[in-house]
Amino acid sequence: MVNYQVLDWMTPNPITITPKTTLPEAHRLMKERKVRRLPVLENGKLVGIVTLGDIREAEPSAATTLSVWELNYLLDTLTVDKIMRRNIVSVTPRTSIREAASLMLAHKVSGMPVVDNDRLVGVITESDIFRMLVREMLPEPPKAG
């Protein structure tokens, strides 16, 4: 198998949010763009990451005694800086796919920001790695001629 680097399979220029993005806005972005994680940038610097699971955990239980209006008010004021993960595992574009996969397994994460010179340049996910594996494992179609 080819020695791929993260650069070869990452999603470049990911959708990002700020620490003051509300949970409903972050959730809406994830649904619209069909992503499960959003890097959090402050003044252009990566300061956290929020996953769909983080947002779901922060949502109130169906057993709450709050009214719909109280719930909506609370959710509209809750920002991602309250729930984002700050200890971020990241890789560089030149990290090998093997090392990126090992880091994901070791840290039990399904995706990581890709940072180059303190600047977010992409995201690599388990789906990207699966896509690479499938492409490498499928036989090449026969050549015409």
Protein backbone atom coordinates (compact mmCIF):
# COMPACT_ATOMS: atom_id res chain seq x y z
CA MET A 1 0.00 0.00 0.00
CA VAL A 2 1.17 3.51 -0.79
CA ASN A 3 2.50 5.57 2.12
CA TYR A 4 -0.23 8.20 2.05
CA GLN A 5 -0.09 11.34 4.11
CA VAL A 6 -3.01 13.13 5.75
CA LEU A 7 -2.75 15.77 3.01
CA ASP A 8 -3.80 13.15 0.43
CA TRP A 9 -7.13 12.32 2.13
CA MET A 10 -8.13 15.18 4.45
CA THR A 11 -11.05 17.52 3.87
CA PRO A 12 -9.44 20.92 3.26
CA ASN A 13 -10.88 24.21 4.51
CA PRO A 14 -13.36 22.76 7.01
CA ILE A 15 -16.39 24.62 8.27
CA THR A 16 -15.49 26.31 11.56
CA ILE A 17 -17.25 28.12 14.37
CA THR A 18 -16.23 30.49 17.15
CA PRO A 19 -16.44 29.85 20.90
CA LYS A 20 -19.50 32.13 21.06
CA THR A 21 -21.51 30.15 18.49
CA THR A 22 -24.70 28.92 20.13
CA LEU A 23 -25.48 25.22 20.36
CA PRO A 24 -28.53 25.49 18.10
CA GLU A 25 -26.45 27.26 15.44
CA ALA A 26 -23.66 24.67 15.65
CA HIS A 27 -26.22 21.85 15.45
CA ARG A 28 -27.90 23.48 12.44
CA LEU A 29 -24.55 23.84 10.65
CA MET A 30 -23.73 20.19 11.26
CA LYS A 31 -27.05 19.05 9.87
CA GLU A 32 -26.94 21.37 6.84
CA ARG A 33 -23.35 20.55 5.91
CA LYS A 34 -23.57 16.88 6.93
CA VAL A 35 -20.56 16.98 9.25
CA ARG A 36 -20.10 15.48 12.71
CA ARG A 37 -17.47 17.84 14.09
CA LEU A 38 -16.68 21.54 13.96
CA PRO A 39 -13.27 23.00 14.78
CA VAL A 40 -13.58 26.07 17.02
CA LEU A 41 -11.39 29.04 16.05
CA GLU A 42 -10.73 32.21 18.01
CA ASN A 43 -8.76 34.96 16.26
CA GLY A 44 -7.75 32.41 13.64
CA LYS A 45 -6.33 29.99 16.22
CA LEU A 46 -7.69 26.50 16.90
CA VAL A 47 -8.98 26.50 20.49
CA GLY A 48 -11.34 23.55 20.52
CA ILE A 49 -13.54 21.10 18.70
CA VAL A 50 -17.23 20.26 19.10
CA THR A 51 -18.77 17.01 17.93
CA LEU A 52 -22.35 16.08 17.27
CA GLY A 53 -22.14 13.83 20.34
CA ASP A 54 -21.03 16.79 22.49
CA ILE A 55 -24.06 18.78 21.36
CA ARG A 56 -26.46 15.90 21.92
CA GLU A 57 -25.08 15.39 25.45
CA ALA A 58 -25.61 19.08 26.24
CA GLU A 59 -29.23 19.04 25.11
CA PRO A 60 -31.79 18.68 27.89
CA SER A 61 -33.36 15.37 28.78
CA ALA A 62 -36.96 14.68 27.78
CA ALA A 63 -37.62 14.27 31.52
CA THR A 64 -36.96 17.94 32.26
CA THR A 65 -39.58 19.97 34.10
CA LEU A 66 -38.73 23.17 32.20
CA SER A 67 -41.24 24.59 29.76
CA VAL A 68 -40.55 24.71 26.03
CA TRP A 69 -39.91 28.45 26.29
CA GLU A 70 -37.47 28.04 29.16
CA LEU A 71 -35.65 25.27 27.27
CA ASN A 72 -35.39 27.35 24.10
CA TYR A 73 -34.10 30.33 26.05
CA LEU A 74 -31.45 28.22 27.79
CA LEU A 75 -30.34 26.57 24.56
CA ASP A 76 -30.21 29.90 22.70
CA THR A 77 -27.85 31.29 25.34
CA LEU A 78 -25.60 28.23 25.64
CA THR A 79 -22.43 28.67 23.59
CA VAL A 80 -19.96 26.03 22.42
CA ASP A 81 -17.17 27.36 24.64
CA LYS A 82 -19.04 25.74 27.53
CA ILE A 83 -18.93 22.26 26.00
CA MET A 84 -16.08 22.18 23.47
CA ARG A 85 -13.13 19.88 23.91
CA ARG A 86 -10.01 21.91 24.57
CA ASN A 87 -7.39 19.14 24.68
CA ILE A 88 -7.25 18.65 20.95
CA VAL A 89 -5.39 15.84 19.24
CA SER A 90 -4.27 17.15 15.87
CA VAL A 91 -1.98 16.17 13.02
CA THR A 92 -0.08 17.97 10.29
CA PRO A 93 -0.67 17.55 6.56
CA ARG A 94 2.59 15.52 6.37
CA THR A 95 1.56 13.03 9.08
CA SER A 96 1.22 9.53 7.65
CA ILE A 97 -2.25 8.03 7.42
CA ARG A 98 -0.99 5.14 9.53
CA GLU A 99 0.06 7.51 12.33
CA ALA A 100 -3.20 9.47 12.08
CA ALA A 101 -5.21 6.24 12.37
CA SER A 102 -3.10 5.16 15.34
CA LEU A 103 -3.71 8.50 17.07
CA MET A 104 -7.46 8.20 16.48
CA LEU A 105 -7.48 4.73 18.00
CA ALA A 106 -5.29 5.70 20.96
CA HIS A 107 -7.35 8.79 21.79
CA LYS A 108 -10.71 7.26 20.85
CA VAL A 109 -11.64 10.03 18.42
CA SER A 110 -13.20 9.68 14.99
CA GLY A 111 -11.62 12.77 13.48
CA MET A 112 -8.87 15.30 14.04
CA PRO A 113 -8.02 18.81 12.92
CA VAL A 114 -5.11 19.16 10.52
CA VAL A 115 -2.86 22.06 11.51
CA ASP A 116 0.06 23.55 9.59
CA ASN A 117 2.15 26.31 11.22
CA ASP A 118 -0.58 26.94 13.83
CA ARG A 119 -3.20 27.35 11.06
CA LEU A 120 -6.15 24.99 10.58
CA VAL A 121 -5.93 23.59 7.04
CA GLY A 122 -8.25 20.59 7.16
CA VAL A 123 -9.88 17.73 9.01
CA ILE A 124 -9.10 14.02 8.71
CA THR A 125 -11.77 11.53 9.75
CA GLU A 126 -12.20 7.81 10.02
CA SER A 127 -14.43 8.04 6.93
CA ASP A 128 -11.51 9.49 4.96
CA ILE A 129 -9.32 6.60 6.07
CA PHE A 130 -12.02 4.04 5.20
CA ARG A 131 -12.35 5.65 1.77
CA MET A 132 -8.61 5.25 1.25
CA LEU A 133 -8.68 1.61 2.36
CA VAL A 134 -11.57 0.76 0.05
CA ARG A 135 -9.86 2.40 -2.91
CA GLU A 136 -6.61 0.59 -2.20
CA MET A 137 -8.23 -2.80 -1.65
CA LEU A 138 -10.51 -2.86 -4.69
CA PRO A 139 -8.94 -4.32 -7.80
CA GLU A 140 -8.23 -1.91 -10.61
CA PRO A 141 -10.57 -2.21 -13.59
CA PRO A 142 -9.06 -3.97 -16.62
CA LYS A 143 -7.36 -1.67 -19.12
CA ALA A 144 -9.08 -1.22 -22.46
CA GLY A 145 -7.29 -2.23 -25.58
